[in-house]
C-alpha atoms as a PDB file:
ATOM      1  CA  MET A   1      17.969  16.576   8.199  1.00  0.00           C
ATOM      2  CA  GLN A   2      15.832  15.693   5.191  1.00  0.00           C
ATOM      3  CA  ASN A   3      12.106  15.078   5.431  1.00  0.00           C
ATOM      4  CA  ASP A   4      12.155  12.398   2.753  1.00  0.00           C
ATOM      5  CA  LEU A   5       9.015  10.782   1.440  1.00  0.00           C
ATOM      6  CA  ASP A   6       9.071   7.023   0.949  1.00  0.00           C
ATOM      7  CA  SER A   7      12.864   6.850   0.907  1.00  0.00           C
ATOM      8  CA  ALA A   8      13.361   3.723   3.000  1.00  0.00           C
ATOM      9  CA  ALA A   9      14.241   1.531   0.036  1.00  0.00           C
ATOM     10  CA  SER A  10      16.463   4.089  -1.650  1.00  0.00           C
ATOM     11  CA  PRO A  11      20.057   3.035  -2.470  1.00  0.00           C
ATOM     12  CA  ASP A  12      21.133   6.385  -1.016  1.00  0.00           C
ATOM     13  CA  MET A  13      20.737   4.778   2.420  1.00  0.00           C
ATOM     14  CA  GLY A  14      23.461   2.215   1.800  1.00  0.00           C
ATOM     15  CA  GLY A  15      21.139  -0.628   2.856  1.00  0.00           C
ATOM     16  CA  LEU A  16      20.679   0.594   6.441  1.00  0.00           C
ATOM     17  CA  SER A  17      16.954  -0.070   6.622  1.00  0.00           C
ATOM     18  CA  ARG A  18      17.130  -3.614   5.270  1.00  0.00           C
ATOM     19  CA  ARG A  19      19.982  -4.640   7.589  1.00  0.00           C
ATOM     20  CA  PHE A  20      18.203  -3.160  10.587  1.00  0.00           C
ATOM     21  CA  PHE A  21      14.848  -4.724   9.917  1.00  0.00           C
ATOM     22  CA  VAL A  22      16.086  -8.173   8.941  1.00  0.00           C
ATOM     23  CA  LEU A  23      17.784  -8.408  12.331  1.00  0.00           C
ATOM     24  CA  ALA A  24      14.752  -7.219  14.281  1.00  0.00           C
ATOM     25  CA  ALA A  25      12.326  -9.750  15.734  1.00  0.00           C
ATOM     26  CA  PRO A  26       8.723  -9.353  14.514  1.00  0.00           C
ATOM     27  CA  ALA A  27       5.741  -9.286  16.822  1.00  0.00           C
ATOM     28  CA  VAL A  28       2.910 -11.790  16.779  1.00  0.00           C
ATOM     29  CA  LEU A  29      -0.544 -10.498  15.918  1.00  0.00           C
ATOM     30  CA  THR A  30      -3.622 -12.661  15.578  1.00  0.00           C
ATOM     31  CA  ALA A  31      -6.769 -11.730  13.746  1.00  0.00           C
ATOM     32  CA  ALA A  32      -8.596  -8.595  14.842  1.00  0.00           C
ATOM     33  CA  CYS A  33     -12.387  -8.433  14.805  1.00  0.00           C
ATOM     34  CA  THR A  34     -14.314  -5.213  14.439  1.00  0.00           C
ATOM     35  CA  THR A  35     -16.082  -4.116  17.613  1.00  0.00           C
ATOM     36  CA  ALA A  36     -17.211  -0.670  16.546  1.00  0.00           C
ATOM     37  CA  GLY A  37     -18.684   0.957  13.463  1.00  0.00           C
ATOM     38  CA  THR A  38     -16.609   2.678  10.828  1.00  0.00           C
ATOM     39  CA  GLY A  39     -15.016   5.989  11.620  1.00  0.00           C
ATOM     40  CA  SER A  40     -16.822   7.959   8.927  1.00  0.00           C
ATOM     41  CA  GLY A  41     -17.837  10.573  11.497  1.00  0.00           C
ATOM     42  CA  SER A  42     -14.176  11.322  12.227  1.00  0.00           C
ATOM     43  CA  TYR A  43     -13.343  12.853   8.868  1.00  0.00           C
ATOM     44  CA  GLY A  44     -14.897  16.318   9.044  1.00  0.00           C
ATOM     45  CA  LEU A  45     -13.314  19.711   8.387  1.00  0.00           C
ATOM     46  CA  VAL A  46     -10.307  20.390  10.616  1.00  0.00           C
ATOM     47  CA  SER A  47      -8.865  23.824  11.339  1.00  0.00           C
ATOM     48  CA  ASP A  48      -5.245  22.903  11.923  1.00  0.00           C
ATOM     49  CA  GLY A  49      -3.144  25.955  12.603  1.00  0.00           C
ATOM     50  CA  ARG A  50      -2.382  27.738   9.359  1.00  0.00           C
ATOM     51  CA  VAL A  51      -3.969  24.973   7.265  1.00  0.00           C
ATOM     52  CA  THR A  52      -7.634  24.026   6.998  1.00  0.00           C
ATOM     53  CA  LEU A  53      -8.038  20.343   6.195  1.00  0.00           C
ATOM     54  CA  PRO A  54     -11.265  19.841   4.225  1.00  0.00           C
ATOM     55  CA  ALA A  55     -13.792  17.227   5.226  1.00  0.00           C
ATOM     56  CA  MET A  56     -13.227  13.905   3.507  1.00  0.00           C
ATOM     57  CA  ASP A  57     -16.040  12.258   1.586  1.00  0.00           C
ATOM     58  CA  THR A  58     -16.053   8.689   2.888  1.00  0.00           C
ATOM     59  CA  THR A  59     -19.068   7.453   0.927  1.00  0.00           C
ATOM     60  CA  GLY A  60     -16.944   5.816  -1.759  1.00  0.00           C
ATOM     61  CA  ILE A  61     -14.295   4.394   0.579  1.00  0.00           C
ATOM     62  CA  ASP A  62     -14.281   0.767   1.635  1.00  0.00           C
ATOM     63  CA  PRO A  63     -15.154   0.864   5.380  1.00  0.00           C
ATOM     64  CA  ARG A  64     -12.220  -1.415   6.222  1.00  0.00           C
ATOM     65  CA  TRP A  65      -9.826   1.464   5.464  1.00  0.00           C
ATOM     66  CA  LEU A  66     -11.548   3.871   7.859  1.00  0.00           C
ATOM     67  CA  ARG A  67     -10.388   4.382  11.436  1.00  0.00           C
ATOM     68  CA  GLN A  68     -12.154   2.177  13.954  1.00  0.00           C
ATOM     69  CA  THR A  69     -11.722   0.401  17.268  1.00  0.00           C
ATOM     70  CA  VAL A  70     -11.157  -3.349  16.948  1.00  0.00           C
ATOM     71  CA  GLU A  71     -10.401  -6.346  19.110  1.00  0.00           C
ATOM     72  CA  TYR A  72      -6.669  -6.946  19.367  1.00  0.00           C
ATOM     73  CA  ARG A  73      -5.054 -10.224  20.412  1.00  0.00           C
ATOM     74  CA  GLY A  74      -1.421  -9.442  19.684  1.00  0.00           C
ATOM     75  CA  SER A  75       1.378  -9.679  22.217  1.00  0.00           C
ATOM     76  CA  GLU A  76       2.436  -6.030  22.052  1.00  0.00           C
ATOM     77  CA  PRO A  77       1.653  -3.831  25.091  1.00  0.00           C
ATOM     78  CA  ALA A  78      -0.564  -0.764  25.114  1.00  0.00           C
ATOM     79  CA  GLY A  79       1.046   2.242  23.485  1.00  0.00           C
ATOM     80  CA  THR A  80       2.687   0.259  20.668  1.00  0.00           C
ATOM     81  CA  VAL A  81       2.179   0.954  16.958  1.00  0.00           C
ATOM     82  CA  VAL A  82       1.916  -2.245  14.913  1.00  0.00           C
ATOM     83  CA  VAL A  83       1.947  -2.132  11.105  1.00  0.00           C
ATOM     84  CA  ARG A  84       0.802  -5.082   9.006  1.00  0.00           C
ATOM     85  CA  PRO A  85       1.613  -4.169   5.370  1.00  0.00           C
ATOM     86  CA  SER A  86       0.031  -7.357   4.026  1.00  0.00           C
ATOM     87  CA  GLU A  87      -3.292  -6.318   5.592  1.00  0.00           C
ATOM     88  CA  ARG A  88      -2.883  -2.642   4.669  1.00  0.00           C
ATOM     89  CA  HIS A  89      -3.570  -1.813   8.321  1.00  0.00           C
ATOM     90  CA  LEU A  90      -1.821  -0.044  11.177  1.00  0.00           C
ATOM     91  CA  TYR A  91      -2.821  -0.661  14.810  1.00  0.00           C
ATOM     92  CA  PHE A  92      -2.320   1.557  17.835  1.00  0.00           C
ATOM     93  CA  VAL A  93      -2.661  -0.781  20.808  1.00  0.00           C
ATOM     94  CA  THR A  94      -4.847   0.776  23.491  1.00  0.00           C
ATOM     95  CA  GLY A  95      -4.865  -2.158  25.947  1.00  0.00           C
ATOM     96  CA  ARG A  96      -7.587  -4.373  27.372  1.00  0.00           C
ATOM     97  CA  GLY A  97      -7.675  -6.373  24.139  1.00  0.00           C
ATOM     98  CA  THR A  98      -8.397  -3.418  21.868  1.00  0.00           C
ATOM     99  CA  ALA A  99      -6.616  -1.237  19.337  1.00  0.00           C
ATOM    100  CA  VAL A 100      -7.406   1.670  17.045  1.00  0.00           C
ATOM    101  CA  ARG A 101      -7.017   0.420  13.479  1.00  0.00           C
ATOM    102  CA  TYR A 102      -6.180   2.612  10.485  1.00  0.00           C
ATOM    103  CA  GLY A 103      -6.105   1.814   6.791  1.00  0.00           C
ATOM    104  CA  VAL A 104      -2.726   2.466   5.178  1.00  0.00           C
ATOM    105  CA  GLY A 105      -0.957   2.581   1.844  1.00  0.00           C
ATOM    106  CA  VAL A 106       2.277   0.588   1.708  1.00  0.00           C
ATOM    107  CA  GLY A 107       5.392   0.105  -0.397  1.00  0.00           C
ATOM    108  CA  ARG A 108       5.144  -1.682  -3.701  1.00  0.00           C
ATOM    109  CA  GLN A 109       6.771  -5.098  -4.112  1.00  0.00           C
ATOM    110  CA  GLY A 110      10.528  -4.861  -3.550  1.00  0.00           C
ATOM    111  CA  ALA A 111      10.166  -1.854  -1.250  1.00  0.00           C
ATOM    112  CA  LEU A 112       8.714  -3.616   1.778  1.00  0.00           C
ATOM    113  CA  TRP A 113      10.808  -4.013   4.930  1.00  0.00           C
ATOM    114  CA  HIS A 114      10.067  -4.805   8.534  1.00  0.00           C
ATOM    115  CA  GLY A 115      11.272  -4.807  12.128  1.00  0.00           C
ATOM    116  CA  ARG A 116      11.329  -2.661  15.249  1.00  0.00           C
ATOM    117  CA  ALA A 117      12.003   1.033  15.747  1.00  0.00           C
ATOM    118  CA  THR A 118      10.839   3.956  17.873  1.00  0.00           C
ATOM    119  CA  ILE A 119       9.323   7.295  16.984  1.00  0.00           C
ATOM    120  CA  GLY A 120      12.278   9.652  17.182  1.00  0.00           C
ATOM    121  CA  ARG A 121      10.664  12.789  15.790  1.00  0.00           C
ATOM    122  CA  LYS A 122       7.202  14.154  15.041  1.00  0.00           C
ATOM    123  CA  GLY A 123       6.405  16.722  12.363  1.00  0.00           C
ATOM    124  CA  GLN A 124       3.295  18.853  11.723  1.00  0.00           C
ATOM    125  CA  TRP A 125       2.696  19.768   8.082  1.00  0.00           C
ATOM    126  CA  PRO A 126       6.337  18.817   7.449  1.00  0.00           C
ATOM    127  CA  ASN A 127       8.558  19.934   4.628  1.00  0.00           C
ATOM    128  CA  TRP A 128       9.427  17.348   1.994  1.00  0.00           C
ATOM    129  CA  THR A 129      12.851  17.003   0.383  1.00  0.00           C
ATOM    130  CA  PRO A 130      13.232  14.313  -2.301  1.00  0.00           C
ATOM    131  CA  THR A 131      16.298  12.080  -2.186  1.00  0.00           C
ATOM    132  CA  ALA A 132      18.762  11.915  -5.067  1.00  0.00           C
ATOM    133  CA  ASN A 133      17.311   8.538  -5.991  1.00  0.00           C
ATOM    134  CA  MET A 134      13.798   9.990  -6.129  1.00  0.00           C
ATOM    135  CA  ILE A 135      15.029  12.752  -8.422  1.00  0.00           C
ATOM    136  CA  ARG A 136      16.658  10.170 -10.691  1.00  0.00           C
ATOM    137  CA  TYR A 137      13.419   8.191 -10.749  1.00  0.00           C
ATOM    138  CA  ASP A 138      11.351  11.277 -11.568  1.00  0.00           C
ATOM    139  CA  PRO A 139      13.396  14.335 -12.669  1.00  0.00           C
ATOM    140  CA  ARG A 140      10.397  16.572 -11.973  1.00  0.00           C
ATOM    141  CA  ASN A 141      11.241  16.214  -8.285  1.00  0.00           C
ATOM    142  CA  ALA A 142      14.407  18.242  -8.862  1.00  0.00           C
ATOM    143  CA  ARG A 143      12.410  21.449  -8.438  1.00  0.00           C
ATOM    144  CA  TYR A 144      11.953  20.494  -4.779  1.00  0.00           C
ATOM    145  CA  ALA A 145      15.609  19.725  -4.110  1.00  0.00           C
ATOM    146  CA  GLY A 146      15.655  22.638  -1.680  1.00  0.00           C
ATOM    147  CA  GLY A 147      12.528  21.402   0.079  1.00  0.00           C
ATOM    148  CA  MET A 148       8.788  21.673  -0.460  1.00  0.00           C
ATOM    149  CA  PRO A 149       6.891  23.571   2.246  1.00  0.00           C
ATOM    150  CA  GLY A 150       4.226  21.730   4.201  1.00  0.00           C
ATOM    151  CA  GLY A 151       0.629  22.064   3.112  1.00  0.00           C
ATOM    152  CA  LEU A 152      -2.265  20.300   1.429  1.00  0.00           C
ATOM    153  CA  GLY A 153      -0.218  19.624  -1.713  1.00  0.00           C
ATOM    154  CA  ASN A 154       2.791  18.190   0.137  1.00  0.00           C
ATOM    155  CA  PRO A 155       3.311  14.417  -0.344  1.00  0.00           C
ATOM    156  CA  LEU A 156       4.005  13.941   3.390  1.00  0.00           C
ATOM    157  CA  GLY A 157       0.556  15.221   4.262  1.00  0.00           C
ATOM    158  CA  ALA A 158      -0.541  16.653   7.586  1.00  0.00           C
ATOM    159  CA  ARG A 159       1.918  14.849   9.855  1.00  0.00           C
ATOM    160  CA  ALA A 160       5.028  12.686   9.710  1.00  0.00           C
ATOM    161  CA  LEU A 161       6.351  10.300  12.347  1.00  0.00           C
ATOM    162  CA  TYR A 162      10.057   9.587  11.860  1.00  0.00           C
ATOM    163  CA  LEU A 163      11.285   6.156  12.910  1.00  0.00           C
ATOM    164  CA  TYR A 164      14.658   5.827  14.586  1.00  0.00           C
ATOM    165  CA  ARG A 165      16.899   3.080  15.818  1.00  0.00           C
ATOM    166  CA  GLY A 166      18.716   4.602  18.757  1.00  0.00           C
ATOM    167  CA  ASN A 167      19.846   8.011  17.532  1.00  0.00           C
ATOM    168  CA  ARG A 168      19.919   7.017  13.879  1.00  0.00           C
ATOM    169  CA  ASP A 169      17.141   7.910  11.460  1.00  0.00           C
ATOM    170  CA  THR A 170      16.018   4.780   9.563  1.00  0.00           C
ATOM    171  CA  MET A 171      14.559   7.008   6.806  1.00  0.00           C
ATOM    172  CA  TYR A 172      11.255   5.155   7.323  1.00  0.00           C
ATOM    173  CA  ARG A 173       8.162   7.274   7.900  1.00  0.00           C
ATOM    174  CA  LEU A 174       4.548   7.030   8.927  1.00  0.00           C
ATOM    175  CA  HIS A 175       2.930  10.015   7.238  1.00  0.00           C
ATOM    176  CA  GLY A 176      -0.163  11.482   5.659  1.00  0.00           C
ATOM    177  CA  THR A 177      -0.940  11.684   1.967  1.00  0.00           C
ATOM    178  CA  ASN A 178      -2.386  14.081  -0.580  1.00  0.00           C
ATOM    179  CA  VAL A 179      -3.655  11.071  -2.572  1.00  0.00           C
ATOM    180  CA  PRO A 180      -6.410   9.466  -0.448  1.00  0.00           C
ATOM    181  CA  SER A 181      -7.043   6.837  -3.138  1.00  0.00           C
ATOM    182  CA  SER A 182      -3.620   5.328  -2.338  1.00  0.00           C
ATOM    183  CA  ILE A 183      -4.872   4.020   1.025  1.00  0.00           C
ATOM    184  CA  GLY A 184      -5.326   0.257   0.838  1.00  0.00           C
ATOM    185  CA  THR A 185      -2.860  -0.081  -2.042  1.00  0.00           C
ATOM    186  CA  ALA A 186       0.832  -0.889  -2.513  1.00  0.00           C
ATOM    187  CA  VAL A 187       2.167   2.007  -4.549  1.00  0.00           C
ATOM    188  CA  SER A 188       4.677   3.925  -2.422  1.00  0.00           C
ATOM    189  CA  SER A 189       8.462   3.544  -2.406  1.00  0.00           C
ATOM    190  CA  GLY A 190       8.473   2.017   1.048  1.00  0.00           C
ATOM    191  CA  CYS A 191       6.958   4.245   3.747  1.00  0.00           C
ATOM    192  CA  ILE A 192       3.513   3.905   5.326  1.00  0.00           C
ATOM    193  CA  ARG A 193       0.899   6.509   4.467  1.00  0.00           C
ATOM    194  CA  LEU A 194      -2.446   7.236   6.156  1.00  0.00           C
ATOM    195  CA  PHE A 195      -5.385   9.523   5.455  1.00  0.00           C
ATOM    196  CA  ASN A 196      -4.484  13.006   6.700  1.00  0.00           C
ATOM    197  CA  HIS A 197      -7.253  12.849   9.315  1.00  0.00           C
ATOM    198  CA  ASP A 198      -5.858   9.551  10.552  1.00  0.00           C
ATOM    199  CA  ILE A 199      -2.223  10.601  10.767  1.00  0.00           C
ATOM    200  CA  ILE A 200      -3.331  13.617  12.813  1.00  0.00           C
ATOM    201  CA  ASP A 201      -5.188  11.266  15.159  1.00  0.00           C
ATOM    202  CA  LEU A 202      -2.197   8.898  15.426  1.00  0.00           C
ATOM    203  CA  HIS A 203       0.245  11.805  15.866  1.00  0.00           C
ATOM    204  CA  ASP A 204      -1.807  12.990  18.850  1.00  0.00           C
ATOM    205  CA  ARG A 205      -1.809   9.527  20.449  1.00  0.00           C
ATOM    206  CA  VAL A 206       1.911   8.717  20.240  1.00  0.00           C
ATOM    207  CA  ARG A 207       4.936  10.301  21.899  1.00  0.00           C
ATOM    208  CA  ILE A 208       8.667  10.414  21.213  1.00  0.00           C
ATOM    209  CA  GLY A 209       9.964   6.961  22.071  1.00  0.00           C
ATOM    210  CA  THR A 210       6.768   5.097  21.170  1.00  0.00           C
ATOM    211  CA  PRO A 211       7.729   1.607  19.936  1.00  0.00           C
ATOM    212  CA  VAL A 212       6.792   0.660  16.369  1.00  0.00           C
ATOM    213  CA  VAL A 213       6.725  -2.863  14.960  1.00  0.00           C
ATOM    214  CA  VAL A 214       6.385  -3.507  11.228  1.00  0.00           C
ATOM    215  CA  ILE A 215       5.347  -7.129  10.620  1.00  0.00           C
ATOM    216  CA  PRO A 216       6.872  -8.985   7.629  1.00  0.00           C
ATOM    217  CA  GLY A 217       4.798 -10.697   4.986  1.00  0.00           C
END
């Protein structure tokens, strides 16, 4: 099974992701208000198995993209991941009217899709294998056709959460990034990326079967 980065909008999928997410019913999420300070203290050096993740300098980052606890008035129950691409935010609902909010990078225009899925697989420092479409888009990716080992230079970052519908991989991912400046922007080919520190935190909170809702618009 490929560990494909940002391949949800690829024609190699035969339109699976768009059909699935157009049929899915979106959740309702009202405005969230910050109840805690920014998470700048959560981005220190991390010894993570065979990889040491350096501390992240947060001084030049807009605080709204840093992990923090916020008020949450959506209808989704505790334990749900809610992604709002238009806000560039992902929420992990913790219950009692609160959620942990993360800044994210999202797909560029034409690569955005939405709906419901579940986390079917979790990967730590996952390998990355570009799709045929990604190789056509950038022939330099051909050198990784056999897979790129996980590590600090890997585009999937420290963790990847693979979204499934039933037993079928949607090819949509929540994953880390080796380009922190992409958080808060719309530059990817479709998948949702987080700071490596944040995807590690989210990976530790969720389980296989955790519901995920990606809100349209």
